[in-house]
PDB file of N, CA and C in Angstrom:
ATOM      1  N   MET A   1      73.186 -60.338 -17.667  1.00  0.00           N
ATOM      2  CA  MET A   1      72.869 -61.696 -18.036  1.00  0.00           C
ATOM      3  C   MET A   1      74.147 -62.510 -18.164  1.00  0.00           C
ATOM      4  N   ILE A   2      74.067 -63.742 -17.699  1.00  0.00           N
ATOM      5  CA  ILE A   2      75.227 -64.628 -17.703  1.00  0.00           C
ATOM      6  C   ILE A   2      75.167 -65.583 -18.895  1.00  0.00           C
ATOM      7  N   VAL A   3      76.331 -65.794 -19.518  1.00  0.00           N
ATOM      8  CA  VAL A   3      76.489 -66.814 -20.550  1.00  0.00           C
ATOM      9  C   VAL A   3      77.499 -67.820 -20.020  1.00  0.00           C
ATOM     10  N   LEU A   4      77.139 -69.103 -20.043  1.00  0.00           N
ATOM     11  CA  LEU A   4      78.052 -70.175 -19.651  1.00  0.00           C
ATOM     12  C   LEU A   4      78.652 -70.752 -20.923  1.00  0.00           C
ATOM     13  N   ILE A   5      79.986 -70.694 -21.023  1.00  0.00           N
ATOM     14  CA  ILE A   5      80.699 -71.218 -22.189  1.00  0.00           C
ATOM     15  C   ILE A   5      81.391 -72.514 -21.771  1.00  0.00           C
ATOM     16  N   ILE A   6      81.055 -73.597 -22.467  1.00  0.00           N
ATOM     17  CA  ILE A   6      81.621 -74.910 -22.155  1.00  0.00           C
ATOM     18  C   ILE A   6      82.471 -75.336 -23.340  1.00  0.00           C
ATOM     19  N   ASP A   7      83.795 -75.327 -23.155  1.00  0.00           N
ATOM     20  CA  ASP A   7      84.713 -75.683 -24.239  1.00  0.00           C
ATOM     21  C   ASP A   7      86.062 -76.031 -23.624  1.00  0.00           C
ATOM     22  N   ASP A   8      86.731 -77.023 -24.176  1.00  0.00           N
ATOM     23  CA  ASP A   8      88.038 -77.417 -23.644  1.00  0.00           C
ATOM     24  C   ASP A   8      89.187 -76.668 -24.310  1.00  0.00           C
ATOM     25  N   ASP A   9      88.908 -75.832 -25.297  1.00  0.00           N
ATOM     26  CA  ASP A   9      89.948 -75.079 -26.008  1.00  0.00           C
ATOM     27  C   ASP A   9      90.099 -73.703 -25.361  1.00  0.00           C
ATOM     28  N   PRO A  10      91.227 -73.454 -24.694  1.00  0.00           N
ATOM     29  CA  PRO A  10      91.398 -72.173 -23.994  1.00  0.00           C
ATOM     30  C   PRO A  10      91.343 -70.956 -24.925  1.00  0.00           C
ATOM     31  N   ASP A  11      91.795 -71.102 -26.169  1.00  0.00           N
ATOM     32  CA  ASP A  11      91.750 -69.978 -27.113  1.00  0.00           C
ATOM     33  C   ASP A  11      90.308 -69.610 -27.454  1.00  0.00           C
ATOM     34  N   ILE A  12      89.480 -70.619 -27.648  1.00  0.00           N
ATOM     35  CA  ILE A  12      88.070 -70.356 -27.948  1.00  0.00           C
ATOM     36  C   ILE A  12      87.380 -69.750 -26.733  1.00  0.00           C
ATOM     37  N   LEU A  13      87.669 -70.281 -25.545  1.00  0.00           N
ATOM     38  CA  LEU A  13      87.090 -69.703 -24.322  1.00  0.00           C
ATOM     39  C   LEU A  13      87.457 -68.229 -24.198  1.00  0.00           C
ATOM     40  N   GLU A  14      88.718 -67.912 -24.441  1.00  0.00           N
ATOM     41  CA  GLU A  14      89.191 -66.538 -24.298  1.00  0.00           C
ATOM     42  C   GLU A  14      88.542 -65.606 -25.326  1.00  0.00           C
ATOM     43  N   ALA A  15      88.534 -66.009 -26.588  1.00  0.00           N
ATOM     44  CA  ALA A  15      87.990 -65.151 -27.650  1.00  0.00           C
ATOM     45  C   ALA A  15      86.486 -64.953 -27.477  1.00  0.00           C
ATOM     46  N   THR A  16      85.780 -66.030 -27.187  1.00  0.00           N
ATOM     47  CA  THR A  16      84.330 -65.957 -27.017  1.00  0.00           C
ATOM     48  C   THR A  16      83.976 -65.126 -25.792  1.00  0.00           C
ATOM     49  N   SER A  17      84.677 -65.364 -24.697  1.00  0.00           N
ATOM     50  CA  SER A  17      84.442 -64.597 -23.471  1.00  0.00           C
ATOM     51  C   SER A  17      84.669 -63.112 -23.712  1.00  0.00           C
ATOM     52  N   PHE A  18      85.784 -62.778 -24.356  1.00  0.00           N
ATOM     53  CA  PHE A  18      86.130 -61.379 -24.623  1.00  0.00           C
ATOM     54  C   PHE A  18      85.037 -60.697 -25.445  1.00  0.00           C
ATOM     55  N   ALA A  19      84.603 -61.361 -26.524  1.00  0.00           N
ATOM     56  CA  ALA A  19      83.586 -60.767 -27.402  1.00  0.00           C
ATOM     57  C   ALA A  19      82.270 -60.536 -26.662  1.00  0.00           C
ATOM     58  N   LEU A  20      81.849 -61.493 -25.868  1.00  0.00           N
ATOM     59  CA  LEU A  20      80.569 -61.368 -25.164  1.00  0.00           C
ATOM     60  C   LEU A  20      80.654 -60.393 -23.987  1.00  0.00           C
ATOM     61  N   GLU A  21      81.797 -60.366 -23.309  1.00  0.00           N
ATOM     62  CA  GLU A  21      81.973 -59.384 -22.222  1.00  0.00           C
ATOM     63  C   GLU A  21      81.901 -57.966 -22.767  1.00  0.00           C
ATOM     64  N   ASN A  22      82.463 -57.747 -23.959  1.00  0.00           N
ATOM     65  CA  ASN A  22      82.404 -56.420 -24.578  1.00  0.00           C
ATOM     66  C   ASN A  22      80.983 -56.000 -24.916  1.00  0.00           C
ATOM     67  N   GLU A  23      80.073 -56.973 -25.021  1.00  0.00           N
ATOM     68  CA  GLU A  23      78.657 -56.691 -25.281  1.00  0.00           C
ATOM     69  C   GLU A  23      77.853 -56.592 -23.985  1.00  0.00           C
ATOM     70  N   GLY A  24      78.541 -56.678 -22.839  1.00  0.00           N
ATOM     71  CA  GLY A  24      77.874 -56.496 -21.550  1.00  0.00           C
ATOM     72  C   GLY A  24      77.395 -57.770 -20.871  1.00  0.00           C
ATOM     73  N   PHE A  25      77.755 -58.925 -21.404  1.00  0.00           N
ATOM     74  CA  PHE A  25      77.358 -60.183 -20.771  1.00  0.00           C
ATOM     75  C   PHE A  25      78.346 -60.575 -19.688  1.00  0.00           C
ATOM     76  N   GLY A  26      77.841 -61.179 -18.630  1.00  0.00           N
ATOM     77  CA  GLY A  26      78.697 -61.828 -17.650  1.00  0.00           C
ATOM     78  C   GLY A  26      79.052 -63.208 -18.188  1.00  0.00           C
ATOM     79  N   ILE A  27      80.243 -63.682 -17.862  1.00  0.00           N
ATOM     80  CA  ILE A  27      80.711 -64.944 -18.419  1.00  0.00           C
ATOM     81  C   ILE A  27      81.108 -65.898 -17.305  1.00  0.00           C
ATOM     82  N   GLU A  28      80.693 -67.150 -17.460  1.00  0.00           N
ATOM     83  CA  GLU A  28      81.216 -68.254 -16.676  1.00  0.00           C
ATOM     84  C   GLU A  28      81.718 -69.282 -17.677  1.00  0.00           C
ATOM     85  N   THR A  29      82.765 -70.025 -17.301  1.00  0.00           N
ATOM     86  CA  THR A  29      83.314 -71.015 -18.217  1.00  0.00           C
ATOM     87  C   THR A  29      83.449 -72.368 -17.531  1.00  0.00           C
ATOM     88  N   ALA A  30      83.443 -73.408 -18.352  1.00  0.00           N
ATOM     89  CA  ALA A  30      83.698 -74.766 -17.891  1.00  0.00           C
ATOM     90  C   ALA A  30      84.478 -75.478 -18.991  1.00  0.00           C
ATOM     91  N   ARG A  31      85.357 -76.390 -18.595  1.00  0.00           N
ATOM     92  CA  ARG A  31      86.225 -77.096 -19.553  1.00  0.00           C
ATOM     93  C   ARG A  31      85.601 -78.381 -20.090  1.00  0.00           C
ATOM     94  N   HIS A  32      84.510 -78.828 -19.474  1.00  0.00           N
ATOM     95  CA  HIS A  32      83.816 -80.037 -19.943  1.00  0.00           C
ATOM     96  C   HIS A  32      82.423 -80.070 -19.325  1.00  0.00           C
ATOM     97  N   GLY A  33      81.613 -80.991 -19.810  1.00  0.00           N
ATOM     98  CA  GLY A  33      80.223 -81.049 -19.396  1.00  0.00           C
ATOM     99  C   GLY A  33      80.008 -81.298 -17.916  1.00  0.00           C
ATOM    100  N   GLU A  34      80.840 -82.139 -17.316  1.00  0.00           N
ATOM    101  CA  GLU A  34      80.674 -82.437 -15.892  1.00  0.00           C
ATOM    102  C   GLU A  34      80.899 -81.186 -15.038  1.00  0.00           C
ATOM    103  N   GLU A  35      81.941 -80.432 -15.352  1.00  0.00           N
ATOM    104  CA  GLU A  35      82.208 -79.181 -14.640  1.00  0.00           C
ATOM    105  C   GLU A  35      81.035 -78.208 -14.813  1.00  0.00           C
ATOM    106  N   ALA A  36      80.490 -78.163 -16.022  1.00  0.00           N
ATOM    107  CA  ALA A  36      79.359 -77.274 -16.294  1.00  0.00           C
ATOM    108  C   ALA A  36      78.125 -77.690 -15.496  1.00  0.00           C
ATOM    109  N   LEU A  37      77.848 -78.982 -15.423  1.00  0.00           N
ATOM    110  CA  LEU A  37      76.702 -79.448 -14.636  1.00  0.00           C
ATOM    111  C   LEU A  37      76.857 -79.080 -13.175  1.00  0.00           C
ATOM    112  N   GLN A  38      78.063 -79.214 -12.645  1.00  0.00           N
ATOM    113  CA  GLN A  38      78.309 -78.828 -11.251  1.00  0.00           C
ATOM    114  C   GLN A  38      78.010 -77.345 -11.049  1.00  0.00           C
ATOM    115  N   ARG A  39      78.439 -76.508 -11.985  1.00  0.00           N
ATOM    116  CA  ARG A  39      78.168 -75.063 -11.889  1.00  0.00           C
ATOM    117  C   ARG A  39      76.665 -74.784 -11.938  1.00  0.00           C
ATOM    118  N   LEU A  40      75.955 -75.478 -12.839  1.00  0.00           N
ATOM    119  CA  LEU A  40      74.515 -75.250 -12.986  1.00  0.00           C
ATOM    120  C   LEU A  40      73.751 -75.684 -11.735  1.00  0.00           C
ATOM    121  N   ARG A  41      74.227 -76.714 -11.075  1.00  0.00           N
ATOM    122  CA  ARG A  41      73.531 -77.215  -9.888  1.00  0.00           C
ATOM    123  C   ARG A  41      73.680 -76.283  -8.699  1.00  0.00           C
ATOM    124  N   VAL A  42      74.788 -75.549  -8.613  1.00  0.00           N
ATOM    125  CA  VAL A  42      75.035 -74.726  -7.428  1.00  0.00           C
ATOM    126  C   VAL A  42      75.019 -73.224  -7.693  1.00  0.00           C
ATOM    127  N   GLY A  43      75.106 -72.833  -8.944  1.00  0.00           N
ATOM    128  CA  GLY A  43      75.266 -71.411  -9.241  1.00  0.00           C
ATOM    129  C   GLY A  43      74.022 -70.780  -9.818  1.00  0.00           C
ATOM    130  N   ASN A  44      74.205 -69.564 -10.281  1.00  0.00           N
ATOM    131  CA  ASN A  44      73.133 -68.858 -10.970  1.00  0.00           C
ATOM    132  C   ASN A  44      72.891 -69.516 -12.322  1.00  0.00           C
ATOM    133  N   ARG A  45      71.652 -69.495 -12.734  1.00  0.00           N
ATOM    134  CA  ARG A  45      71.320 -70.063 -14.040  1.00  0.00           C
ATOM    135  C   ARG A  45      71.679 -69.058 -15.121  1.00  0.00           C
ATOM    136  N   PRO A  46      72.445 -69.493 -16.127  1.00  0.00           N
ATOM    137  CA  PRO A  46      72.793 -68.579 -17.216  1.00  0.00           C
ATOM    138  C   PRO A  46      71.591 -68.322 -18.121  1.00  0.00           C
ATOM    139  N   ALA A  47      71.652 -67.218 -18.842  1.00  0.00           N
ATOM    140  CA  ALA A  47      70.616 -66.915 -19.829  1.00  0.00           C
ATOM    141  C   ALA A  47      70.775 -67.813 -21.049  1.00  0.00           C
ATOM    142  N   VAL A  48      72.032 -68.164 -21.360  1.00  0.00           N
ATOM    143  CA  VAL A  48      72.359 -68.996 -22.530  1.00  0.00           C
ATOM    144  C   VAL A  48      73.584 -69.837 -22.187  1.00  0.00           C
ATOM    145  N   VAL A  49      73.631 -71.052 -22.750  1.00  0.00           N
ATOM    146  CA  VAL A  49      74.815 -71.905 -22.660  1.00  0.00           C
ATOM    147  C   VAL A  49      75.387 -72.067 -24.064  1.00  0.00           C
ATOM    148  N   LEU A  50      76.692 -71.860 -24.211  1.00  0.00           N
ATOM    149  CA  LEU A  50      77.409 -72.159 -25.457  1.00  0.00           C
ATOM    150  C   LEU A  50      78.161 -73.460 -25.215  1.00  0.00           C
ATOM    151  N   LEU A  51      77.903 -74.466 -26.034  1.00  0.00           N
ATOM    152  CA  LEU A  51      78.383 -75.817 -25.767  1.00  0.00           C
ATOM    153  C   LEU A  51      79.188 -76.385 -26.929  1.00  0.00           C
ATOM    154  N   ASP A  52      80.435 -76.748 -26.632  1.00  0.00           N
ATOM    155  CA  ASP A  52      81.242 -77.517 -27.572  1.00  0.00           C
ATOM    156  C   ASP A  52      80.791 -78.974 -27.464  1.00  0.00           C
ATOM    157  N   LEU A  53      80.923 -79.741 -28.528  1.00  0.00           N
ATOM    158  CA  LEU A  53      80.516 -81.151 -28.474  1.00  0.00           C
ATOM    159  C   LEU A  53      81.664 -82.086 -28.124  1.00  0.00           C
ATOM    160  N   MET A  54      82.853 -81.816 -28.686  1.00  0.00           N
ATOM    161  CA  MET A  54      83.990 -82.717 -28.501  1.00  0.00           C
ATOM    162  C   MET A  54      84.869 -82.226 -27.349  1.00  0.00           C
ATOM    163  N   MET A  55      84.671 -82.874 -26.165  1.00  0.00           N
ATOM    164  CA  MET A  55      85.428 -82.499 -24.968  1.00  0.00           C
ATOM    165  C   MET A  55      85.748 -83.756 -24.171  1.00  0.00           C
ATOM    166  N   PRO A  56      86.785 -83.686 -23.332  1.00  0.00           N
ATOM    167  CA  PRO A  56      87.093 -84.816 -22.451  1.00  0.00           C
ATOM    168  C   PRO A  56      86.100 -84.863 -21.274  1.00  0.00           C
ATOM    169  N   VAL A  57      86.173 -85.902 -20.496  1.00  0.00           N
ATOM    170  CA  VAL A  57      85.402 -86.141 -19.271  1.00  0.00           C
ATOM    171  C   VAL A  57      83.921 -86.351 -19.575  1.00  0.00           C
ATOM    172  N   MET A  58      83.229 -85.307 -20.002  1.00  0.00           N
ATOM    173  CA  MET A  58      81.833 -85.417 -20.432  1.00  0.00           C
ATOM    174  C   MET A  58      81.669 -84.563 -21.670  1.00  0.00           C
ATOM    175  N   ASN A  59      81.339 -85.195 -22.805  1.00  0.00           N
ATOM    176  CA  ASN A  59      81.222 -84.434 -24.042  1.00  0.00           C
ATOM    177  C   ASN A  59      79.871 -83.715 -24.122  1.00  0.00           C
ATOM    178  N   GLY A  60      79.683 -82.969 -25.191  1.00  0.00           N
ATOM    179  CA  GLY A  60      78.479 -82.163 -25.336  1.00  0.00           C
ATOM    180  C   GLY A  60      77.195 -82.969 -25.427  1.00  0.00           C
ATOM    181  N   TRP A  61      77.254 -84.123 -26.114  1.00  0.00           N
ATOM    182  CA  TRP A  61      76.055 -84.954 -26.219  1.00  0.00           C
ATOM    183  C   TRP A  61      75.654 -85.500 -24.846  1.00  0.00           C
ATOM    184  N   GLN A  62      76.650 -85.925 -24.060  1.00  0.00           N
ATOM    185  CA  GLN A  62      76.371 -86.429 -22.714  1.00  0.00           C
ATOM    186  C   GLN A  62      75.808 -85.313 -21.826  1.00  0.00           C
ATOM    187  N   PHE A  63      76.350 -84.112 -21.970  1.00  0.00           N
ATOM    188  CA  PHE A  63      75.854 -82.965 -21.216  1.00  0.00           C
ATOM    189  C   PHE A  63      74.383 -82.711 -21.557  1.00  0.00           C
ATOM    190  N   LEU A  64      74.052 -82.733 -22.844  1.00  0.00           N
ATOM    191  CA  LEU A  64      72.670 -82.506 -23.265  1.00  0.00           C
ATOM    192  C   LEU A  64      71.737 -83.579 -22.703  1.00  0.00           C
ATOM    193  N   GLU A  65      72.198 -84.838 -22.656  1.00  0.00           N
ATOM    194  CA  GLU A  65      71.391 -85.919 -22.079  1.00  0.00           C
ATOM    195  C   GLU A  65      71.103 -85.658 -20.605  1.00  0.00           C
ATOM    196  N   GLU A  66      72.128 -85.208 -19.864  1.00  0.00           N
ATOM    197  CA  GLU A  66      71.950 -84.941 -18.430  1.00  0.00           C
ATOM    198  C   GLU A  66      71.024 -83.749 -18.202  1.00  0.00           C
ATOM    199  N   VAL A  67      71.185 -82.699 -18.991  1.00  0.00           N
ATOM    200  CA  VAL A  67      70.343 -81.506 -18.864  1.00  0.00           C
ATOM    201  C   VAL A  67      68.880 -81.858 -19.130  1.00  0.00           C
ATOM    202  N   ALA A  68      68.646 -82.740 -20.099  1.00  0.00           N
ATOM    203  CA  ALA A  68      67.280 -83.118 -20.462  1.00  0.00           C
ATOM    204  C   ALA A  68      66.538 -83.806 -19.313  1.00  0.00           C
ATOM    205  N   LYS A  69      67.266 -84.348 -18.345  1.00  0.00           N
ATOM    206  CA  LYS A  69      66.656 -85.045 -17.208  1.00  0.00           C
ATOM    207  C   LYS A  69      66.177 -84.093 -16.114  1.00  0.00           C
ATOM    208  N   VAL A  70      66.587 -82.826 -16.191  1.00  0.00           N
ATOM    209  CA  VAL A  70      66.279 -81.861 -15.124  1.00  0.00           C
ATOM    210  C   VAL A  70      65.432 -80.732 -15.703  1.00  0.00           C
ATOM    211  N   PRO A  71      64.127 -80.685 -15.374  1.00  0.00           N
ATOM    212  CA  PRO A  71      63.244 -79.688 -15.988  1.00  0.00           C
ATOM    213  C   PRO A  71      63.738 -78.243 -15.880  1.00  0.00           C
ATOM    214  N   SER A  72      64.304 -77.862 -14.747  1.00  0.00           N
ATOM    215  CA  SER A  72      64.751 -76.474 -14.601  1.00  0.00           C
ATOM    216  C   SER A  72      65.954 -76.161 -15.490  1.00  0.00           C
ATOM    217  N   LEU A  73      66.775 -77.156 -15.783  1.00  0.00           N
ATOM    218  CA  LEU A  73      67.931 -76.952 -16.668  1.00  0.00           C
ATOM    219  C   LEU A  73      67.513 -77.023 -18.132  1.00  0.00           C
ATOM    220  N   LYS A  74      66.519 -77.842 -18.429  1.00  0.00           N
ATOM    221  CA  LYS A  74      66.056 -78.026 -19.800  1.00  0.00           C
ATOM    222  C   LYS A  74      65.544 -76.719 -20.398  1.00  0.00           C
ATOM    223  N   ALA A  75      65.123 -75.790 -19.536  1.00  0.00           N
ATOM    224  CA  ALA A  75      64.583 -74.515 -20.006  1.00  0.00           C
ATOM    225  C   ALA A  75      65.669 -73.543 -20.483  1.00  0.00           C
ATOM    226  N   ILE A  76      66.938 -73.806 -20.159  1.00  0.00           N
ATOM    227  CA  ILE A  76      68.032 -72.908 -20.546  1.00  0.00           C
ATOM    228  C   ILE A  76      68.361 -73.136 -22.026  1.00  0.00           C
ATOM    229  N   PRO A  77      68.363 -72.062 -22.852  1.00  0.00           N
ATOM    230  CA  PRO A  77      68.727 -72.239 -24.260  1.00  0.00           C
ATOM    231  C   PRO A  77      70.195 -72.636 -24.402  1.00  0.00           C
ATOM    232  N   ILE A  78      70.440 -73.688 -25.186  1.00  0.00           N
ATOM    233  CA  ILE A  78      71.800 -74.185 -25.417  1.00  0.00           C
ATOM    234  C   ILE A  78      72.119 -74.038 -26.899  1.00  0.00           C
ATOM    235  N   VAL A  79      73.217 -73.320 -27.177  1.00  0.00           N
ATOM    236  CA  VAL A  79      73.697 -73.134 -28.543  1.00  0.00           C
ATOM    237  C   VAL A  79      74.972 -73.965 -28.683  1.00  0.00           C
ATOM    238  N   VAL A  80      74.968 -74.891 -29.620  1.00  0.00           N
ATOM    239  CA  VAL A  80      76.125 -75.756 -29.844  1.00  0.00           C
ATOM    240  C   VAL A  80      77.092 -75.067 -30.797  1.00  0.00           C
ATOM    241  N   LEU A  81      78.379 -75.112 -30.438  1.00  0.00           N
ATOM    242  CA  LEU A  81      79.465 -74.639 -31.298  1.00  0.00           C
ATOM    243  C   LEU A  81      80.306 -75.859 -31.643  1.00  0.00           C
ATOM    244  N   THR A  82      80.381 -76.208 -32.929  1.00  0.00           N
ATOM    245  CA  THR A  82      81.094 -77.424 -33.301  1.00  0.00           C
ATOM    246  C   THR A  82      81.900 -77.245 -34.573  1.00  0.00           C
ATOM    247  N   ALA A  83      82.980 -78.012 -34.668  1.00  0.00           N
ATOM    248  CA  ALA A  83      83.790 -78.027 -35.884  1.00  0.00           C
ATOM    249  C   ALA A  83      83.273 -79.082 -36.863  1.00  0.00           C
ATOM    250  N   ALA A  84      82.391 -79.960 -36.412  1.00  0.00           N
ATOM    251  CA  ALA A  84      81.832 -81.003 -37.281  1.00  0.00           C
ATOM    252  C   ALA A  84      80.957 -80.357 -38.355  1.00  0.00           C
ATOM    253  N   SER A  85      81.084 -80.838 -39.580  1.00  0.00           N
ATOM    254  CA  SER A  85      80.314 -80.231 -40.669  1.00  0.00           C
ATOM    255  C   SER A  85      78.863 -80.693 -40.662  1.00  0.00           C
ATOM    256  N   ARG A  86      78.641 -81.946 -40.324  1.00  0.00           N
ATOM    257  CA  ARG A  86      77.266 -82.460 -40.240  1.00  0.00           C
ATOM    258  C   ARG A  86      77.086 -83.060 -38.864  1.00  0.00           C
ATOM    259  N   VAL A  87      76.093 -82.568 -38.173  1.00  0.00           N
ATOM    260  CA  VAL A  87      75.892 -83.071 -36.820  1.00  0.00           C
ATOM    261  C   VAL A  87      74.408 -82.994 -36.464  1.00  0.00           C
ATOM    262  N   GLU A  88      73.925 -84.047 -35.828  1.00  0.00           N
ATOM    263  CA  GLU A  88      72.556 -84.077 -35.324  1.00  0.00           C
ATOM    264  C   GLU A  88      72.639 -83.796 -33.831  1.00  0.00           C
ATOM    265  N   VAL A  89      71.931 -82.775 -33.380  1.00  0.00           N
ATOM    266  CA  VAL A  89      71.983 -82.419 -31.968  1.00  0.00           C
ATOM    267  C   VAL A  89      70.556 -82.231 -31.467  1.00  0.00           C
ATOM    268  N   SER A  90      70.187 -83.058 -30.514  1.00  0.00           N
ATOM    269  CA  SER A  90      68.878 -82.921 -29.892  1.00  0.00           C
ATOM    270  C   SER A  90      69.039 -82.140 -28.594  1.00  0.00           C
ATOM    271  N   GLY A  91      68.188 -81.165 -28.373  1.00  0.00           N
ATOM    272  CA  GLY A  91      68.252 -80.390 -27.140  1.00  0.00           C
ATOM    273  C   GLY A  91      68.898 -79.028 -27.295  1.00  0.00           C
ATOM    274  N   ALA A  92      69.429 -78.740 -28.477  1.00  0.00           N
ATOM    275  CA  ALA A  92      70.053 -77.431 -28.717  1.00  0.00           C
ATOM    276  C   ALA A  92      69.080 -76.535 -29.483  1.00  0.00           C
ATOM    277  N   VAL A  93      69.092 -75.246 -29.172  1.00  0.00           N
ATOM    278  CA  VAL A  93      68.234 -74.304 -29.890  1.00  0.00           C
ATOM    279  C   VAL A  93      68.845 -73.905 -31.236  1.00  0.00           C
ATOM    280  N   GLU A  94      70.180 -73.971 -31.316  1.00  0.00           N
ATOM    281  CA  GLU A  94      70.876 -73.662 -32.571  1.00  0.00           C
ATOM    282  C   GLU A  94      72.209 -74.384 -32.592  1.00  0.00           C
ATOM    283  N   VAL A  95      72.722 -74.604 -33.798  1.00  0.00           N
ATOM    284  CA  VAL A  95      74.057 -75.168 -33.991  1.00  0.00           C
ATOM    285  C   VAL A  95      74.841 -74.197 -34.860  1.00  0.00           C
ATOM    286  N   LEU A  96      75.984 -73.731 -34.347  1.00  0.00           N
ATOM    287  CA  LEU A  96      76.883 -72.863 -35.105  1.00  0.00           C
ATOM    288  C   LEU A  96      78.171 -73.628 -35.371  1.00  0.00           C
ATOM    289  N   HIS A  97      78.748 -73.395 -36.532  1.00  0.00           N
ATOM    290  CA  HIS A  97      79.942 -74.137 -36.924  1.00  0.00           C
ATOM    291  C   HIS A  97      81.203 -73.305 -36.724  1.00  0.00           C
ATOM    292  N   LYS A  98      82.223 -73.952 -36.146  1.00  0.00           N
ATOM    293  CA  LYS A  98      83.521 -73.315 -35.942  1.00  0.00           C
ATOM    294  C   LYS A  98      84.282 -73.318 -37.253  1.00  0.00           C
ATOM    295  N   PRO A  99      85.089 -72.298 -37.514  1.00  0.00           N
ATOM    296  CA  PRO A  99      85.244 -71.103 -36.678  1.00  0.00           C
ATOM    297  C   PRO A  99      83.994 -70.225 -36.763  1.00  0.00           C
ATOM    298  N   VAL A 100      83.538 -69.790 -35.613  1.00  0.00           N
ATOM    299  CA  VAL A 100      82.295 -69.028 -35.517  1.00  0.00           C
ATOM    300  C   VAL A 100      82.577 -67.550 -35.758  1.00  0.00           C
ATOM    301  N   ASP A 101      81.772 -66.949 -36.605  1.00  0.00           N
ATOM    302  CA  ASP A 101      81.825 -65.500 -36.796  1.00  0.00           C
ATOM    303  C   ASP A 101      81.339 -64.858 -35.497  1.00  0.00           C
ATOM    304  N   LEU A 102      82.165 -64.027 -34.874  1.00  0.00           N
ATOM    305  CA  LEU A 102      81.815 -63.461 -33.568  1.00  0.00           C
ATOM    306  C   LEU A 102      80.588 -62.555 -33.637  1.00  0.00           C
ATOM    307  N   GLY A 103      80.397 -61.859 -34.748  1.00  0.00           N
ATOM    308  CA  GLY A 103      79.198 -61.030 -34.906  1.00  0.00           C
ATOM    309  C   GLY A 103      77.937 -61.878 -34.896  1.00  0.00           C
ATOM    310  N   LEU A 104      77.974 -63.004 -35.597  1.00  0.00           N
ATOM    311  CA  LEU A 104      76.837 -63.928 -35.612  1.00  0.00           C
ATOM    312  C   LEU A 104      76.622 -64.522 -34.226  1.00  0.00           C
ATOM    313  N   LEU A 105      77.700 -64.893 -33.566  1.00  0.00           N
ATOM    314  CA  LEU A 105      77.603 -65.464 -32.220  1.00  0.00           C
ATOM    315  C   LEU A 105      76.921 -64.483 -31.265  1.00  0.00           C
ATOM    316  N   ILE A 106      77.336 -63.231 -31.294  1.00  0.00           N
ATOM    317  CA  ILE A 106      76.743 -62.208 -30.430  1.00  0.00           C
ATOM    318  C   ILE A 106      75.258 -62.053 -30.738  1.00  0.00           C
ATOM    319  N   GLU A 107      74.917 -62.028 -32.018  1.00  0.00           N
ATOM    320  CA  GLU A 107      73.515 -61.903 -32.430  1.00  0.00           C
ATOM    321  C   GLU A 107      72.677 -63.075 -31.897  1.00  0.00           C
ATOM    322  N   VAL A 108      73.190 -64.298 -32.015  1.00  0.00           N
ATOM    323  CA  VAL A 108      72.476 -65.487 -31.550  1.00  0.00           C
ATOM    324  C   VAL A 108      72.324 -65.460 -30.030  1.00  0.00           C
ATOM    325  N   VAL A 109      73.403 -65.126 -29.324  1.00  0.00           N
ATOM    326  CA  VAL A 109      73.338 -65.069 -27.858  1.00  0.00           C
ATOM    327  C   VAL A 109      72.336 -64.005 -27.409  1.00  0.00           C
ATOM    328  N   GLU A 110      72.394 -62.828 -28.016  1.00  0.00           N
ATOM    329  CA  GLU A 110      71.451 -61.765 -27.633  1.00  0.00           C
ATOM    330  C   GLU A 110      70.004 -62.197 -27.879  1.00  0.00           C
ATOM    331  N   ARG A 111      69.741 -62.841 -28.990  1.00  0.00           N
ATOM    332  CA  ARG A 111      68.377 -63.276 -29.321  1.00  0.00           C
ATOM    333  C   ARG A 111      67.859 -64.277 -28.283  1.00  0.00           C
ATOM    334  N   HIS A 112      68.673 -65.269 -27.938  1.00  0.00           N
ATOM    335  CA  HIS A 112      68.233 -66.304 -26.997  1.00  0.00           C
ATOM    336  C   HIS A 112      68.237 -65.793 -25.556  1.00  0.00           C
ATOM    337  N   ALA A 113      69.145 -64.885 -25.235  1.00  0.00           N
ATOM    338  CA  ALA A 113      69.174 -64.339 -23.868  1.00  0.00           C
ATOM    339  C   ALA A 113      67.920 -63.495 -23.617  1.00  0.00           C
ATOM    340  N   ARG A 114      67.519 -62.725 -24.589  1.00  0.00           N
ATOM    341  CA  ARG A 114      66.285 -61.938 -24.447  1.00  0.00           C
ATOM    342  C   ARG A 114      65.071 -62.848 -24.321  1.00  0.00           C
ATOM    343  N   GLY A 115      65.053 -63.911 -25.109  1.00  0.00           N
ATOM    344  CA  GLY A 115      63.951 -64.859 -25.043  1.00  0.00           C
ATOM    345  C   GLY A 115      63.883 -65.586 -23.708  1.00  0.00           C
ATOM    346  N   ALA A 116      65.066 -65.741 -23.086  1.00  0.00           N
ATOM    347  CA  ALA A 116      65.145 -66.475 -21.810  1.00  0.00           C
ATOM    348  C   ALA A 116      64.723 -65.602 -20.643  1.00  0.00           C
ATOM    349  N   GLY A 117      64.706 -64.320 -20.817  1.00  0.00           N
ATOM    350  CA  GLY A 117      64.279 -63.562 -19.664  1.00  0.00           C
ATOM    351  C   GLY A 117      64.849 -62.202 -19.595  1.00  0.00           C
TER     352      GLY A 117
END
């Protein structure tokens, strides 16, 4: 199963990718929402998307708006990872706060990946 991680912080991409790869997940990454949308349009559909909200080019809220317009993309579970303490997010199945406990992250990804297929 593939997890798409969308985050502009290379350290977070590396740590999250490493933890999930060790659990047997395939990983794809994108540095912003626009890059992620391009991957989703041409590539394999991930079982889960991990989405940062604060990014350049296209932020997480804009990404969620674009995904909501495409029925096949809307079905992909999106878990938001954010440093914001209070945040309203429409279109996400869960919101986790940074710094994210990797054990909790793995548990959430496994739960939604199984639900996705």
